[in-house]
Amino acid sequence: MLDIADVVPKDDTASMEHPLFSLATKPDHRHLHYRSGDNSLTIIPSGIGLPTIFDKDILIFCISQLMHKKNRGEKIGKRVRFSARELSIATNRPIGGNHYKRLEQAMIRLGGTQFKTDITTGNRRETRIFGLVDEGGFVMRETGEWRLDYCEIVLSDWLMRAIEAAEVVTISNDYFRLRRPLERRIYEIARKHCGNQPRWQIGLAKLQEKTGSNAPLKKFRLNIRQIIEDDHIPFYSIELAKDDLVVFRPRKPKRQITADLVIPAWAEEKARKIAREKGWDYHALEAEWRGFADNPDNPGAAFVGFCKQKESLR
């Protein structure tokens, strides 16, 4: 069983490049068609609408689990099992309530929506009609009453080729704390195209096309300005320059990360326990602490103290 605190979130580059997911918060029944160069993409919604950017959390979670196993040399397959609680903790979702119903609706959208595309994955290009998942479901257990035991997703061959070819990138855990769909999509585009380059720019109209937003350009411009003002996008700063040019730059850390700052094993063990209890990702806590740690005399105690002071996400 994996410790989800050890799993680094990863996203596939094909879905980061293309607008496969709806940014709407209400059922979206549009039939969509996109073209970028030689690549084309047609999306036909399920009976309850297109998959949303929040439905994508399930795929990111599954991709991250499989890549973690693959990087450890373990055998992987397209069938992924997980608990609803694990998914909720890893993707910053509420635990309990009607999460079973929400997951069921997401699986229907992910499996029922049909994609026709010739996007290349795994050094292979072919026209395919497919769903992002082949199957999705739940296994119940009787303990006096029927309770959800675990969830199961069978990923499509298209997604599995991307995983097997390692066509994925690490994303920030703070992605799951972005509540606006457009903010999530903007971060994906920045992570895919800007990466660690000092600068990347794109025209506003082209950016809107890449996000999949169907707002009028005037409204989209206002939305981008609001995102810039709020400044919540992880790792990247954004500028709307003259002539509707959108400029992305990696943020400069407040302090240089001290690469040789060693966290002793006892402190790492304690910090991982605190992270699990509070619902944080251990690696995110470590990265945040290293971002401002100023060569403390006792790095272990300083790191553990930092973790204890973090507010619980549960």
C-alpha atoms as a PDB file:
ATOM      1  CA  MET A   1       0.000   0.000   0.000  1.00  0.00           C
ATOM      2  CA  LEU A   2       1.429   3.384  -0.968  1.00  0.00           C
ATOM      3  CA  ASP A   3       1.829   6.197   1.501  1.00  0.00           C
ATOM      4  CA  ILE A   4       0.050   8.934  -0.435  1.00  0.00           C
ATOM      5  CA  ALA A   5       2.270  11.527   1.266  1.00  0.00           C
ATOM      6  CA  ASP A   6       5.178  10.073  -0.754  1.00  0.00           C
ATOM      7  CA  VAL A   7       3.422  10.349  -4.123  1.00  0.00           C
ATOM      8  CA  VAL A   8       4.287  13.434  -6.151  1.00  0.00           C
ATOM      9  CA  PRO A   9       1.360  14.721  -8.272  1.00  0.00           C
ATOM     10  CA  LYS A  10       1.929  14.355 -12.006  1.00  0.00           C
ATOM     11  CA  ASP A  11      -0.133  15.392 -15.020  1.00  0.00           C
ATOM     12  CA  ASP A  12       0.010  14.099 -18.593  1.00  0.00           C
ATOM     13  CA  THR A  13       1.299  16.623 -21.103  1.00  0.00           C
ATOM     14  CA  ALA A  14      -1.290  15.875 -23.818  1.00  0.00           C
ATOM     15  CA  SER A  15      -4.247  16.924 -21.669  1.00  0.00           C
ATOM     16  CA  MET A  16      -2.265  19.917 -20.398  1.00  0.00           C
ATOM     17  CA  GLU A  17      -1.713  20.993 -23.997  1.00  0.00           C
ATOM     18  CA  HIS A  18      -5.294  20.566 -25.193  1.00  0.00           C
ATOM     19  CA  PRO A  19      -8.614  21.690 -23.614  1.00  0.00           C
ATOM     20  CA  LEU A  20     -10.125  18.271 -22.861  1.00  0.00           C
ATOM     21  CA  PHE A  21     -11.999  19.400 -19.744  1.00  0.00           C
ATOM     22  CA  SER A  22     -14.859  21.830 -19.298  1.00  0.00           C
ATOM     23  CA  LEU A  23     -14.351  24.937 -17.177  1.00  0.00           C
ATOM     24  CA  ALA A  24     -18.101  25.207 -16.506  1.00  0.00           C
ATOM     25  CA  THR A  25     -19.494  24.655 -13.007  1.00  0.00           C
ATOM     26  CA  LYS A  26     -22.884  23.533 -14.378  1.00  0.00           C
ATOM     27  CA  PRO A  27     -23.540  20.611 -16.764  1.00  0.00           C
ATOM     28  CA  ASP A  28     -21.881  21.398 -20.091  1.00  0.00           C
ATOM     29  CA  HIS A  29     -23.442  19.639 -23.086  1.00  0.00           C
ATOM     30  CA  ARG A  30     -21.525  21.387 -25.862  1.00  0.00           C
ATOM     31  CA  HIS A  31     -19.991  19.400 -28.737  1.00  0.00           C
ATOM     32  CA  LEU A  32     -16.485  20.819 -29.143  1.00  0.00           C
ATOM     33  CA  HIS A  33     -13.934  20.869 -31.943  1.00  0.00           C
ATOM     34  CA  TYR A  34     -10.373  22.179 -31.724  1.00  0.00           C
ATOM     35  CA  ARG A  35      -7.496  22.292 -34.177  1.00  0.00           C
ATOM     36  CA  SER A  36      -3.858  23.097 -33.446  1.00  0.00           C
ATOM     37  CA  GLY A  37      -1.494  22.718 -36.368  1.00  0.00           C
ATOM     38  CA  ASP A  38      -1.919  19.170 -37.666  1.00  0.00           C
ATOM     39  CA  ASN A  39      -3.730  17.988 -34.522  1.00  0.00           C
ATOM     40  CA  SER A  40      -7.523  17.938 -34.305  1.00  0.00           C
ATOM     41  CA  LEU A  41      -9.785  17.142 -31.377  1.00  0.00           C
ATOM     42  CA  THR A  42     -13.549  16.553 -31.302  1.00  0.00           C
ATOM     43  CA  ILE A  43     -15.323  16.075 -27.962  1.00  0.00           C
ATOM     44  CA  ILE A  44     -18.827  14.583 -27.654  1.00  0.00           C
ATOM     45  CA  PRO A  45     -20.244  14.880 -24.105  1.00  0.00           C
ATOM     46  CA  SER A  46     -21.769  12.141 -21.984  1.00  0.00           C
ATOM     47  CA  GLY A  47     -25.460  12.204 -21.148  1.00  0.00           C
ATOM     48  CA  ILE A  48     -24.691  14.331 -18.067  1.00  0.00           C
ATOM     49  CA  GLY A  49     -22.184  16.592 -19.782  1.00  0.00           C
ATOM     50  CA  LEU A  50     -18.481  17.060 -20.424  1.00  0.00           C
ATOM     51  CA  PRO A  51     -15.860  16.060 -17.820  1.00  0.00           C
ATOM     52  CA  THR A  52     -14.867  19.036 -15.697  1.00  0.00           C
ATOM     53  CA  ILE A  53     -11.436  20.288 -14.696  1.00  0.00           C
ATOM     54  CA  PHE A  54     -12.244  18.987 -11.186  1.00  0.00           C
ATOM     55  CA  ASP A  55     -13.076  15.523 -12.555  1.00  0.00           C
ATOM     56  CA  LYS A  56      -9.515  15.528 -13.847  1.00  0.00           C
ATOM     57  CA  ASP A  57      -8.292  15.243 -10.235  1.00  0.00           C
ATOM     58  CA  ILE A  58      -9.153  11.538 -10.420  1.00  0.00           C
ATOM     59  CA  LEU A  59      -6.918  11.051 -13.462  1.00  0.00           C
ATOM     60  CA  ILE A  60      -4.065  13.080 -11.957  1.00  0.00           C
ATOM     61  CA  PHE A  61      -4.322  10.960  -8.806  1.00  0.00           C
ATOM     62  CA  CYS A  62      -4.196   7.713 -10.820  1.00  0.00           C
ATOM     63  CA  ILE A  63      -1.352   8.920 -13.069  1.00  0.00           C
ATOM     64  CA  SER A  64       0.639   9.992  -9.998  1.00  0.00           C
ATOM     65  CA  GLN A  65       0.187   6.583  -8.328  1.00  0.00           C
ATOM     66  CA  LEU A  66       1.244   4.701 -11.460  1.00  0.00           C
ATOM     67  CA  MET A  67       4.270   6.911 -12.131  1.00  0.00           C
ATOM     68  CA  HIS A  68       5.389   6.508  -8.507  1.00  0.00           C
ATOM     69  CA  LYS A  69       5.304   2.718  -8.900  1.00  0.00           C
ATOM     70  CA  LYS A  70       6.919   2.853 -12.340  1.00  0.00           C
ATOM     71  CA  ASN A  71       9.779   5.001 -11.038  1.00  0.00           C
ATOM     72  CA  ARG A  72      10.362   2.429  -8.284  1.00  0.00           C
ATOM     73  CA  GLY A  73      10.637  -0.310 -10.881  1.00  0.00           C
ATOM     74  CA  GLU A  74       7.292  -1.895 -10.057  1.00  0.00           C
ATOM     75  CA  LYS A  75       4.954  -3.380 -12.648  1.00  0.00           C
ATOM     76  CA  ILE A  76       1.966  -1.188 -13.491  1.00  0.00           C
ATOM     77  CA  GLY A  77      -1.348  -1.751 -15.246  1.00  0.00           C
ATOM     78  CA  LYS A  78      -4.303   0.317 -16.385  1.00  0.00           C
ATOM     79  CA  ARG A  79      -6.534  -0.788 -13.462  1.00  0.00           C
ATOM     80  CA  VAL A  80      -6.066   1.447 -10.398  1.00  0.00           C
ATOM     81  CA  ARG A  81      -7.688   0.893  -7.012  1.00  0.00           C
ATOM     82  CA  PHE A  82      -7.880   3.519  -4.287  1.00  0.00           C
ATOM     83  CA  SER A  83     -10.027   4.628  -1.393  1.00  0.00           C
ATOM     84  CA  ALA A  84     -12.240   7.691  -1.620  1.00  0.00           C
ATOM     85  CA  ARG A  85     -10.453   9.012   1.471  1.00  0.00           C
ATOM     86  CA  GLU A  86      -7.026   8.728  -0.192  1.00  0.00           C
ATOM     87  CA  LEU A  87      -8.301  10.608  -3.217  1.00  0.00           C
ATOM     88  CA  SER A  88      -9.879  13.321  -1.059  1.00  0.00           C
ATOM     89  CA  ILE A  89      -6.724  13.886   0.998  1.00  0.00           C
ATOM     90  CA  ALA A  90      -4.384  13.922  -2.013  1.00  0.00           C
ATOM     91  CA  THR A  91      -6.552  16.324  -4.043  1.00  0.00           C
ATOM     92  CA  ASN A  92      -7.761  18.597  -1.227  1.00  0.00           C
ATOM     93  CA  ARG A  93     -11.406  17.513  -1.470  1.00  0.00           C
ATOM     94  CA  PRO A  94     -13.946  17.411   1.371  1.00  0.00           C
ATOM     95  CA  ILE A  95     -14.051  14.055   3.155  1.00  0.00           C
ATOM     96  CA  GLY A  96     -17.453  12.470   3.689  1.00  0.00           C
ATOM     97  CA  GLY A  97     -20.809  13.913   2.763  1.00  0.00           C
ATOM     98  CA  ASN A  98     -21.970  12.967  -0.719  1.00  0.00           C
ATOM     99  CA  HIS A  99     -18.474  12.184  -2.031  1.00  0.00           C
ATOM    100  CA  TYR A 100     -19.710   8.789  -3.312  1.00  0.00           C
ATOM    101  CA  LYS A 101     -22.297  10.494  -5.526  1.00  0.00           C
ATOM    102  CA  ARG A 102     -19.788  13.103  -6.718  1.00  0.00           C
ATOM    103  CA  LEU A 103     -17.299  10.380  -7.664  1.00  0.00           C
ATOM    104  CA  GLU A 104     -19.990   8.422  -9.491  1.00  0.00           C
ATOM    105  CA  GLN A 105     -20.987  11.462 -11.554  1.00  0.00           C
ATOM    106  CA  ALA A 106     -17.324  12.202 -12.357  1.00  0.00           C
ATOM    107  CA  MET A 107     -16.746   8.618 -13.522  1.00  0.00           C
ATOM    108  CA  ILE A 108     -19.786   8.806 -15.804  1.00  0.00           C
ATOM    109  CA  ARG A 109     -18.487  12.015 -17.390  1.00  0.00           C
ATOM    110  CA  LEU A 110     -14.940  10.645 -17.753  1.00  0.00           C
ATOM    111  CA  GLY A 111     -16.062   7.334 -19.246  1.00  0.00           C
ATOM    112  CA  GLY A 112     -19.093   8.537 -21.195  1.00  0.00           C
ATOM    113  CA  THR A 113     -17.548  11.487 -23.009  1.00  0.00           C
ATOM    114  CA  GLN A 114     -16.107  10.474 -26.365  1.00  0.00           C
ATOM    115  CA  PHE A 115     -12.921  11.989 -27.813  1.00  0.00           C
ATOM    116  CA  LYS A 116     -11.910  11.781 -31.433  1.00  0.00           C
ATOM    117  CA  THR A 117      -8.326  12.857 -31.887  1.00  0.00           C
ATOM    118  CA  ASP A 118      -5.064  12.316 -33.673  1.00  0.00           C
ATOM    119  CA  ILE A 119      -2.966  13.764 -30.835  1.00  0.00           C
ATOM    120  CA  THR A 120       0.359  11.927 -30.544  1.00  0.00           C
ATOM    121  CA  THR A 121       1.197   9.981 -27.372  1.00  0.00           C
ATOM    122  CA  GLY A 122       4.085   7.582 -26.869  1.00  0.00           C
ATOM    123  CA  ASN A 123       5.666   8.354 -30.277  1.00  0.00           C
ATOM    124  CA  ARG A 124       2.530   7.038 -31.938  1.00  0.00           C
ATOM    125  CA  ARG A 125      -0.101   8.922 -33.886  1.00  0.00           C
ATOM    126  CA  GLU A 126      -3.478   7.518 -34.813  1.00  0.00           C
ATOM    127  CA  THR A 127      -7.076   8.617 -35.087  1.00  0.00           C
ATOM    128  CA  ARG A 128      -9.026   7.163 -32.190  1.00  0.00           C
ATOM    129  CA  ILE A 129     -12.477   7.506 -30.625  1.00  0.00           C
ATOM    130  CA  PHE A 130     -12.262   6.765 -26.914  1.00  0.00           C
ATOM    131  CA  GLY A 131     -13.162   7.726 -23.372  1.00  0.00           C
ATOM    132  CA  LEU A 132     -10.519   8.818 -20.909  1.00  0.00           C
ATOM    133  CA  VAL A 133     -11.396   5.810 -18.744  1.00  0.00           C
ATOM    134  CA  ASP A 134     -12.622   2.424 -19.941  1.00  0.00           C
ATOM    135  CA  GLU A 135     -14.372   1.598 -16.675  1.00  0.00           C
ATOM    136  CA  GLY A 136     -15.035   3.099 -13.280  1.00  0.00           C
ATOM    137  CA  GLY A 137     -16.818   1.765 -10.250  1.00  0.00           C
ATOM    138  CA  PHE A 138     -17.034   1.025  -6.552  1.00  0.00           C
ATOM    139  CA  VAL A 139     -16.765  -2.090  -4.419  1.00  0.00           C
ATOM    140  CA  MET A 140     -18.981  -2.162  -1.341  1.00  0.00           C
ATOM    141  CA  ARG A 141     -18.437  -4.158   1.851  1.00  0.00           C
ATOM    142  CA  GLU A 142     -21.128  -5.340   4.255  1.00  0.00           C
ATOM    143  CA  THR A 143     -20.409  -4.464   7.894  1.00  0.00           C
ATOM    144  CA  GLY A 144     -23.939  -4.509   9.251  1.00  0.00           C
ATOM    145  CA  GLU A 145     -24.689  -2.081   6.440  1.00  0.00           C
ATOM    146  CA  TRP A 146     -23.167  -1.631   2.989  1.00  0.00           C
ATOM    147  CA  ARG A 147     -20.162   0.710   3.000  1.00  0.00           C
ATOM    148  CA  LEU A 148     -17.809   1.833   0.274  1.00  0.00           C
ATOM    149  CA  ASP A 149     -14.651  -0.294   0.411  1.00  0.00           C
ATOM    150  CA  TYR A 150     -12.636   1.026  -2.538  1.00  0.00           C
ATOM    151  CA  CYS A 151     -12.919   2.724  -5.932  1.00  0.00           C
ATOM    152  CA  GLU A 152     -11.560   1.359  -9.173  1.00  0.00           C
ATOM    153  CA  ILE A 153     -10.651   3.070 -12.449  1.00  0.00           C
ATOM    154  CA  VAL A 154      -9.511   1.424 -15.688  1.00  0.00           C
ATOM    155  CA  LEU A 155      -7.564   4.003 -17.689  1.00  0.00           C
ATOM    156  CA  SER A 156      -7.769   4.169 -21.480  1.00  0.00           C
ATOM    157  CA  ASP A 157      -4.952   2.878 -23.677  1.00  0.00           C
ATOM    158  CA  TRP A 158      -4.407   6.478 -24.843  1.00  0.00           C
ATOM    159  CA  LEU A 159      -3.616   7.625 -21.302  1.00  0.00           C
ATOM    160  CA  MET A 160      -1.559   4.518 -20.549  1.00  0.00           C
ATOM    161  CA  ARG A 161       0.699   5.157 -23.540  1.00  0.00           C
ATOM    162  CA  ALA A 162       1.456   8.605 -22.139  1.00  0.00           C
ATOM    163  CA  ILE A 163       2.307   7.069 -18.757  1.00  0.00           C
ATOM    164  CA  GLU A 164       4.461   4.312 -20.237  1.00  0.00           C
ATOM    165  CA  ALA A 165       6.320   6.880 -22.362  1.00  0.00           C
ATOM    166  CA  ALA A 166       6.741   9.126 -19.283  1.00  0.00           C
ATOM    167  CA  GLU A 167       4.987  11.985 -21.077  1.00  0.00           C
ATOM    168  CA  VAL A 168       4.070  13.520 -17.733  1.00  0.00           C
ATOM    169  CA  VAL A 169       5.344  16.398 -15.612  1.00  0.00           C
ATOM    170  CA  THR A 170       5.297  17.091 -11.902  1.00  0.00           C
ATOM    171  CA  ILE A 171       2.761  19.683 -10.805  1.00  0.00           C
ATOM    172  CA  SER A 172       2.437  21.690  -7.610  1.00  0.00           C
ATOM    173  CA  ASN A 173       0.280  20.355  -4.780  1.00  0.00           C
ATOM    174  CA  ASP A 174      -1.138  23.865  -4.609  1.00  0.00           C
ATOM    175  CA  TYR A 175      -2.900  23.129  -7.909  1.00  0.00           C
ATOM    176  CA  PHE A 176      -5.551  21.306  -5.869  1.00  0.00           C
ATOM    177  CA  ARG A 177      -6.136  24.418  -3.751  1.00  0.00           C
ATOM    178  CA  LEU A 178      -7.139  26.478  -6.788  1.00  0.00           C
ATOM    179  CA  ARG A 179     -10.935  26.717  -6.704  1.00  0.00           C
ATOM    180  CA  ARG A 180     -11.546  28.586  -9.959  1.00  0.00           C
ATOM    181  CA  PRO A 181     -11.551  26.298 -13.022  1.00  0.00           C
ATOM    182  CA  LEU A 182      -9.804  28.912 -15.174  1.00  0.00           C
ATOM    183  CA  GLU A 183      -6.993  29.279 -12.607  1.00  0.00           C
ATOM    184  CA  ARG A 184      -6.330  25.542 -12.810  1.00  0.00           C
ATOM    185  CA  ARG A 185      -6.282  25.609 -16.586  1.00  0.00           C
ATOM    186  CA  ILE A 186      -3.970  28.639 -16.677  1.00  0.00           C
ATOM    187  CA  TYR A 187      -1.546  26.883 -14.317  1.00  0.00           C
ATOM    188  CA  GLU A 188      -1.535  23.758 -16.522  1.00  0.00           C
ATOM    189  CA  ILE A 189      -0.724  25.819 -19.597  1.00  0.00           C
ATOM    190  CA  ALA A 190       2.029  27.719 -17.772  1.00  0.00           C
ATOM    191  CA  ARG A 191       3.545  24.486 -16.432  1.00  0.00           C
ATOM    192  CA  LYS A 192       3.451  22.844 -19.865  1.00  0.00           C
ATOM    193  CA  HIS A 193       4.742  25.746 -21.977  1.00  0.00           C
ATOM    194  CA  CYS A 194       6.738  27.988 -19.656  1.00  0.00           C
ATOM    195  CA  GLY A 195       8.211  25.302 -17.411  1.00  0.00           C
ATOM    196  CA  ASN A 196      11.465  26.688 -16.005  1.00  0.00           C
ATOM    197  CA  GLN A 197      12.094  29.095 -18.880  1.00  0.00           C
ATOM    198  CA  PRO A 198      12.659  32.680 -17.710  1.00  0.00           C
ATOM    199  CA  ARG A 199       9.741  33.861 -19.871  1.00  0.00           C
ATOM    200  CA  TRP A 200       6.945  32.560 -22.094  1.00  0.00           C
ATOM    201  CA  GLN A 201       4.303  34.618 -23.838  1.00  0.00           C
ATOM    202  CA  ILE A 202       1.107  34.037 -25.788  1.00  0.00           C
ATOM    203  CA  GLY A 203      -1.598  36.209 -27.317  1.00  0.00           C
ATOM    204  CA  LEU A 204      -4.762  36.595 -25.253  1.00  0.00           C
ATOM    205  CA  ALA A 205      -7.055  35.157 -27.954  1.00  0.00           C
ATOM    206  CA  LYS A 206      -4.759  32.140 -28.436  1.00  0.00           C
ATOM    207  CA  LEU A 207      -4.606  31.615 -24.676  1.00  0.00           C
ATOM    208  CA  GLN A 208      -8.399  31.654 -24.506  1.00  0.00           C
ATOM    209  CA  GLU A 209      -8.533  29.003 -27.224  1.00  0.00           C
ATOM    210  CA  LYS A 210      -6.056  26.820 -25.310  1.00  0.00           C
ATOM    211  CA  THR A 211      -8.060  27.126 -22.071  1.00  0.00           C
ATOM    212  CA  GLY A 212     -11.304  26.055 -23.737  1.00  0.00           C
ATOM    213  CA  SER A 213     -13.124  29.085 -22.313  1.00  0.00           C
ATOM    214  CA  ASN A 214     -16.249  30.085 -24.251  1.00  0.00           C
ATOM    215  CA  ALA A 215     -16.547  33.537 -22.643  1.00  0.00           C
ATOM    216  CA  PRO A 216     -16.463  36.611 -24.895  1.00  0.00           C
ATOM    217  CA  LEU A 217     -12.899  37.874 -25.298  1.00  0.00           C
ATOM    218  CA  LYS A 218     -13.739  41.015 -23.298  1.00  0.00           C
ATOM    219  CA  LYS A 219     -14.927  38.889 -20.363  1.00  0.00           C
ATOM    220  CA  PHE A 220     -11.933  36.565 -20.684  1.00  0.00           C
ATOM    221  CA  ARG A 221      -9.601  39.567 -20.504  1.00  0.00           C
ATOM    222  CA  LEU A 222     -11.302  40.690 -17.266  1.00  0.00           C
ATOM    223  CA  ASN A 223     -10.969  37.146 -15.870  1.00  0.00           C
ATOM    224  CA  ILE A 224      -7.234  37.105 -16.614  1.00  0.00           C
ATOM    225  CA  ARG A 225      -6.791  40.501 -14.958  1.00  0.00           C
ATOM    226  CA  GLN A 226      -8.618  39.186 -11.870  1.00  0.00           C
ATOM    227  CA  ILE A 227      -6.350  36.126 -11.761  1.00  0.00           C
ATOM    228  CA  ILE A 228      -3.298  38.389 -12.032  1.00  0.00           C
ATOM    229  CA  GLU A 229      -4.594  40.582  -9.205  1.00  0.00           C
ATOM    230  CA  ASP A 230      -5.396  37.619  -6.936  1.00  0.00           C
ATOM    231  CA  ASP A 231      -1.945  36.101  -7.674  1.00  0.00           C
ATOM    232  CA  HIS A 232      -2.781  32.530  -6.631  1.00  0.00           C
ATOM    233  CA  ILE A 233      -1.155  30.657  -9.538  1.00  0.00           C
ATOM    234  CA  PRO A 234       1.554  28.367  -8.095  1.00  0.00           C
ATOM    235  CA  PHE A 235       5.169  29.077  -9.128  1.00  0.00           C
ATOM    236  CA  TYR A 236       4.289  31.519 -11.931  1.00  0.00           C
ATOM    237  CA  SER A 237       3.632  35.234 -12.133  1.00  0.00           C
ATOM    238  CA  ILE A 238       1.508  36.576 -14.988  1.00  0.00           C
ATOM    239  CA  GLU A 239       1.474  39.923 -16.762  1.00  0.00           C
ATOM    240  CA  LEU A 240      -1.052  41.217 -19.284  1.00  0.00           C
ATOM    241  CA  ALA A 241       1.076  43.446 -21.495  1.00  0.00           C
ATOM    242  CA  LYS A 242       0.047  45.836 -24.236  1.00  0.00           C
ATOM    243  CA  ASP A 243      -1.503  44.442 -27.399  1.00  0.00           C
ATOM    244  CA  ASP A 244      -3.154  41.663 -25.327  1.00  0.00           C
ATOM    245  CA  LEU A 245       0.081  39.743 -24.805  1.00  0.00           C
ATOM    246  CA  VAL A 246       0.057  37.446 -21.755  1.00  0.00           C
ATOM    247  CA  VAL A 247       3.522  36.914 -20.240  1.00  0.00           C
ATOM    248  CA  PHE A 248       4.399  34.096 -17.807  1.00  0.00           C
ATOM    249  CA  ARG A 249       7.519  34.003 -15.632  1.00  0.00           C
ATOM    250  CA  PRO A 250       8.626  31.604 -12.873  1.00  0.00           C
ATOM    251  CA  ARG A 251       8.534  33.258  -9.502  1.00  0.00           C
ATOM    252  CA  LYS A 252      11.854  34.001  -7.856  1.00  0.00           C
ATOM    253  CA  PRO A 253      12.163  32.343  -4.439  1.00  0.00           C
ATOM    254  CA  LYS A 254      12.396  34.745  -1.535  1.00  0.00           C
ATOM    255  CA  ARG A 255      15.585  33.004  -0.487  1.00  0.00           C
ATOM    256  CA  GLN A 256      17.904  30.642  -2.265  1.00  0.00           C
ATOM    257  CA  ILE A 257      17.031  27.062  -1.323  1.00  0.00           C
ATOM    258  CA  THR A 258      19.877  25.545   0.661  1.00  0.00           C
ATOM    259  CA  ALA A 259      20.590  22.309  -1.168  1.00  0.00           C
ATOM    260  CA  ASP A 260      22.934  20.888   1.479  1.00  0.00           C
ATOM    261  CA  LEU A 261      20.502  21.473   4.375  1.00  0.00           C
ATOM    262  CA  VAL A 262      20.094  17.921   5.713  1.00  0.00           C
ATOM    263  CA  ILE A 263      16.919  16.817   7.521  1.00  0.00           C
ATOM    264  CA  PRO A 264      17.815  13.936   9.865  1.00  0.00           C
ATOM    265  CA  ALA A 265      15.836  10.682   9.661  1.00  0.00           C
ATOM    266  CA  TRP A 266      14.090  11.202  13.010  1.00  0.00           C
ATOM    267  CA  ALA A 267      12.830  14.615  11.934  1.00  0.00           C
ATOM    268  CA  GLU A 268      11.678  13.339   8.557  1.00  0.00           C
ATOM    269  CA  GLU A 269       9.701  10.554  10.269  1.00  0.00           C
ATOM    270  CA  LYS A 270       8.016  13.014  12.624  1.00  0.00           C
ATOM    271  CA  ALA A 271       7.297  15.462   9.817  1.00  0.00           C
ATOM    272  CA  ARG A 272       5.698  12.754   7.671  1.00  0.00           C
ATOM    273  CA  LYS A 273       3.441  11.771  10.562  1.00  0.00           C
ATOM    274  CA  ILE A 274       2.392  15.399  11.111  1.00  0.00           C
ATOM    275  CA  ALA A 275       1.761  15.809   7.377  1.00  0.00           C
ATOM    276  CA  ARG A 276      -0.529  12.772   7.313  1.00  0.00           C
ATOM    277  CA  GLU A 277      -2.435  13.907  10.391  1.00  0.00           C
ATOM    278  CA  LYS A 278      -2.973  17.413   9.021  1.00  0.00           C
ATOM    279  CA  GLY A 279      -3.712  16.400   5.421  1.00  0.00           C
ATOM    280  CA  TRP A 280      -0.612  18.029   3.904  1.00  0.00           C
ATOM    281  CA  ASP A 281       1.751  16.621   1.320  1.00  0.00           C
ATOM    282  CA  TYR A 282       5.129  16.011   2.976  1.00  0.00           C
ATOM    283  CA  HIS A 283       7.148  17.101  -0.044  1.00  0.00           C
ATOM    284  CA  ALA A 284       5.174  20.339  -0.319  1.00  0.00           C
ATOM    285  CA  LEU A 285       5.932  21.129   3.342  1.00  0.00           C
ATOM    286  CA  GLU A 286       9.625  20.383   2.876  1.00  0.00           C
ATOM    287  CA  ALA A 287       9.849  22.542  -0.255  1.00  0.00           C
ATOM    288  CA  GLU A 288       8.047  25.422   1.446  1.00  0.00           C
ATOM    289  CA  TRP A 289      10.317  25.236   4.504  1.00  0.00           C
ATOM    290  CA  ARG A 290      13.494  25.062   2.426  1.00  0.00           C
ATOM    291  CA  GLY A 291      12.310  28.137   0.558  1.00  0.00           C
ATOM    292  CA  PHE A 292      12.949  30.365   3.561  1.00  0.00           C
ATOM    293  CA  ALA A 293      15.107  28.278   5.930  1.00  0.00           C
ATOM    294  CA  ASP A 294      18.223  30.275   6.745  1.00  0.00           C
ATOM    295  CA  ASN A 295      20.765  27.606   7.806  1.00  0.00           C
ATOM    296  CA  PRO A 296      19.282  26.927  11.278  1.00  0.00           C
ATOM    297  CA  ASP A 297      21.575  25.423  13.922  1.00  0.00           C
ATOM    298  CA  ASN A 298      19.220  22.451  14.309  1.00  0.00           C
ATOM    299  CA  PRO A 299      17.537  21.796  10.918  1.00  0.00           C
ATOM    300  CA  GLY A 300      15.575  18.772  12.194  1.00  0.00           C
ATOM    301  CA  ALA A 301      13.964  20.618  15.105  1.00  0.00           C
ATOM    302  CA  ALA A 302      13.337  23.687  12.952  1.00  0.00           C
ATOM    303  CA  PHE A 303      11.587  21.634  10.254  1.00  0.00           C
ATOM    304  CA  VAL A 304       9.431  19.682  12.711  1.00  0.00           C
ATOM    305  CA  GLY A 305       8.484  22.933  14.461  1.00  0.00           C
ATOM    306  CA  PHE A 306       7.495  24.435  11.119  1.00  0.00           C
ATOM    307  CA  CYS A 307       5.262  21.430  10.346  1.00  0.00           C
ATOM    308  CA  LYS A 308       3.566  21.614  13.754  1.00  0.00           C
ATOM    309  CA  GLN A 309       2.660  25.254  13.141  1.00  0.00           C
ATOM    310  CA  LYS A 310       0.923  24.545   9.815  1.00  0.00           C
ATOM    311  CA  GLU A 311      -2.845  24.755   9.911  1.00  0.00           C
ATOM    312  CA  SER A 312      -4.652  21.417   9.497  1.00  0.00           C
ATOM    313  CA  LEU A 313      -6.454  20.899   6.193  1.00  0.00           C
ATOM    314  CA  ARG A 314      -8.933  18.518   7.775  1.00  0.00           C
END
